[in-house]
Amino acid sequence: MARVVVCPDCKGEGKILTPSLRNVAFTSEDFEQDPDFKEQMLGGYYDVECPTCKGRNVITIDERKKYYDNEEGRLERESGY
């Protein structure tokens, strides 16, 4: 059996906030104006299955290496190096 580790993307939850909301900075005013939205956000309404572990909560050591290689490449591309 392959060794597994906790998924670094979802931190073992098996789900993440939908990508369209992941990098959005919400203020307390946003939540005050729409308390239902705040309740939905905190309640997991906008969560989707983790694309890294596919909801399994863990990934193999080989998958982890690929994850970090891809993440390092993404960071390099975004920084222009």
Protein backbone atom coordinates (compact mmCIF):
# COMPACT_ATOMS: atom_id res chain seq x y z
CA MET A 1 0.00 0.00 0.00
CA ALA A 2 1.28 3.46 -0.90
CA ARG A 3 2.13 5.88 1.90
CA VAL A 4 -0.25 8.80 2.11
CA VAL A 5 -0.13 12.29 3.62
CA VAL A 6 -2.78 14.88 4.40
CA CYS A 7 -3.71 16.83 1.29
CA PRO A 8 -1.88 20.19 1.30
CA ASP A 9 -4.61 21.92 -0.71
CA CYS A 10 -7.65 21.19 1.47
CA LYS A 11 -5.71 20.41 4.68
CA GLY A 12 -7.52 17.06 4.93
CA GLU A 13 -11.05 18.44 4.62
CA GLY A 14 -11.67 16.91 1.18
CA LYS A 15 -13.20 20.17 -0.02
CA ILE A 16 -12.14 23.73 -0.78
CA LEU A 17 -13.85 27.05 -1.31
CA THR A 18 -14.93 27.31 -4.93
CA PRO A 19 -12.03 28.74 -6.98
CA SER A 20 -14.07 31.76 -8.09
CA LEU A 21 -14.17 32.95 -4.46
CA ARG A 22 -10.78 31.73 -3.20
CA ASN A 23 -8.78 34.90 -3.78
CA VAL A 24 -11.52 37.40 -3.02
CA ALA A 25 -11.07 39.61 0.03
CA PHE A 26 -14.38 40.12 1.80
CA THR A 27 -14.83 42.87 4.37
CA SER A 28 -17.05 42.92 7.41
CA GLU A 29 -19.22 45.40 5.48
CA ASP A 30 -19.81 42.78 2.79
CA PHE A 31 -21.09 40.37 5.40
CA GLU A 32 -23.13 43.03 7.19
CA GLN A 33 -24.89 43.90 3.94
CA ASP A 34 -25.70 40.25 3.24
CA PRO A 35 -25.80 38.15 6.41
CA ASP A 36 -27.14 35.17 4.47
CA PHE A 37 -24.01 35.19 2.32
CA LYS A 38 -21.84 35.15 5.44
CA GLU A 39 -23.79 32.20 6.82
CA GLN A 40 -23.45 30.36 3.50
CA MET A 41 -19.71 31.07 3.29
CA LEU A 42 -19.04 29.85 6.81
CA GLY A 43 -21.42 26.93 6.41
CA GLY A 44 -19.68 25.45 3.39
CA TYR A 45 -22.35 26.31 0.82
CA TYR A 46 -19.65 27.41 -1.67
CA ASP A 47 -17.33 24.47 -1.07
CA VAL A 48 -16.42 22.07 -3.87
CA GLU A 49 -14.57 18.77 -3.93
CA CYS A 50 -10.84 19.25 -3.59
CA PRO A 51 -9.27 18.83 -7.04
CA THR A 52 -5.97 17.65 -5.55
CA CYS A 53 -7.20 14.71 -3.46
CA LYS A 54 -10.62 14.39 -5.14
CA GLY A 55 -12.32 14.39 -1.75
CA ARG A 56 -10.15 11.61 -0.28
CA ASN A 57 -8.52 13.93 2.31
CA VAL A 58 -5.10 12.38 1.59
CA ILE A 59 -2.69 12.02 -1.34
CA THR A 60 0.17 9.63 -1.99
CA ILE A 61 3.78 10.69 -1.56
CA ASP A 62 4.15 10.70 -5.37
CA GLU A 63 1.08 12.94 -5.74
CA ARG A 64 2.51 15.29 -3.12
CA LYS A 65 5.74 15.66 -5.10
CA LYS A 66 3.75 16.49 -8.25
CA TYR A 67 1.63 18.97 -6.26
CA TYR A 68 4.66 20.87 -4.96
CA ASP A 69 6.43 20.75 -8.35
CA ASN A 70 3.32 22.25 -9.98
CA GLU A 71 2.91 24.81 -7.19
CA GLU A 72 6.54 25.90 -7.47
CA GLY A 73 6.16 26.29 -11.24
CA ARG A 74 2.96 28.31 -10.81
CA LEU A 75 4.62 30.66 -8.33
CA GLU A 76 7.59 31.15 -10.66
CA ARG A 77 5.30 31.96 -13.61
CA GLU A 78 3.28 34.43 -11.54
CA SER A 79 6.39 36.21 -10.30
CA GLY A 80 7.88 36.46 -13.80
CA TYR A 81 10.98 34.34 -13.19
